[in-house]
Protein backbone atom coordinates (compact mmCIF):
# COMPACT_ATOMS: atom_id res chain seq x y z
CA UNK A 1 6.73 -44.87 -18.26
CA UNK A 2 10.14 -43.53 -17.32
CA UNK A 3 9.85 -40.70 -19.85
CA UNK A 4 6.41 -39.80 -18.54
CA UNK A 5 7.70 -39.65 -14.99
CA UNK A 6 10.58 -37.44 -16.07
CA UNK A 7 8.12 -35.13 -17.89
CA UNK A 8 5.94 -34.84 -14.77
CA UNK A 9 8.98 -34.09 -12.62
CA UNK A 10 10.13 -31.43 -15.09
CA UNK A 11 6.69 -29.79 -15.10
CA UNK A 12 6.59 -29.87 -11.33
CA UNK A 13 9.98 -28.19 -11.20
CA UNK A 14 8.76 -25.39 -13.49
CA UNK A 15 5.61 -24.99 -11.42
CA UNK A 16 7.64 -24.74 -8.22
CA UNK A 17 9.78 -22.04 -9.83
CA UNK A 18 6.71 -20.14 -11.04
CA UNK A 19 5.11 -20.39 -7.63
CA UNK A 20 8.24 -19.01 -5.97
CA UNK A 21 8.35 -16.11 -8.43
CA UNK A 22 4.70 -15.31 -7.76
CA UNK A 23 5.30 -15.48 -4.03
CA UNK A 24 8.21 -13.05 -4.37
CA UNK A 25 6.04 -10.61 -6.33
CA UNK A 26 3.17 -10.83 -3.84
CA UNK A 27 5.55 -10.34 -0.91
CA UNK A 28 7.14 -7.29 -2.56
CA UNK A 29 3.74 -5.82 -3.42
CA UNK A 30 2.50 -6.32 0.14
CA UNK A 31 5.52 -4.38 1.39
CA UNK A 32 4.72 -1.57 -1.03
CA UNK A 33 1.06 -1.58 0.05
CA UNK A 34 2.08 -1.36 3.71
CA UNK A 35 4.42 1.54 2.93
CA UNK A 36 1.74 3.37 0.96
CA UNK A 37 -0.78 2.88 3.78
CA UNK A 38 1.65 4.45 6.24
CA UNK A 39 2.15 7.38 3.87
CA UNK A 40 -1.61 7.84 3.42
CA UNK A 41 -2.13 7.75 7.20
CA UNK A 42 0.62 10.35 7.63
CA UNK A 43 -0.93 12.59 4.98
CA UNK A 44 -4.40 12.23 6.51
CA UNK A 45 -3.00 13.30 9.87
CA UNK A 46 -1.28 16.31 8.28
CA UNK A 47 -4.47 17.26 6.43
CA UNK A 48 -6.51 17.07 9.63
CA UNK A 49 -3.92 19.25 11.34
CA UNK A 50 -4.03 21.77 8.49
CA UNK A 51 -7.83 21.90 8.53
CA UNK A 52 -7.81 22.43 12.28
CA UNK A 53 -5.28 25.25 11.95
CA UNK A 54 -7.29 26.89 9.16
CA UNK A 55 -10.49 26.73 11.20
CA UNK A 56 -8.73 28.29 14.19
CA UNK A 57 -7.31 31.02 11.96
CA UNK A 58 -10.78 31.72 10.50
CA UNK A 59 -12.24 31.91 14.00
CA UNK A 60 -9.62 34.54 14.91
CA UNK A 61 -10.44 36.64 11.80
CA UNK A 62 -14.16 37.05 12.40
CA UNK A 63 -15.23 40.62 11.58
CA UNK A 64 -16.90 42.62 14.32
CA UNK A 65 -20.69 42.29 14.57
CA UNK A 66 -21.29 45.78 13.12
CA UNK A 67 -19.22 45.07 10.00
């Protein structure tokens, strides 16, 4: 019985370690996801700005009606 209890405690210890490692990975990945989301939002804003500027530039370069 004592050996069985020791085996269960050992397994529990390994499981706790594995769980902590998984938690560390998930936490790190969530940080990376948050960072990538901020970068994507920044790039979307820049793209919208670029599209707006291009549309304004095209509107300024309209040929005369008789062209």
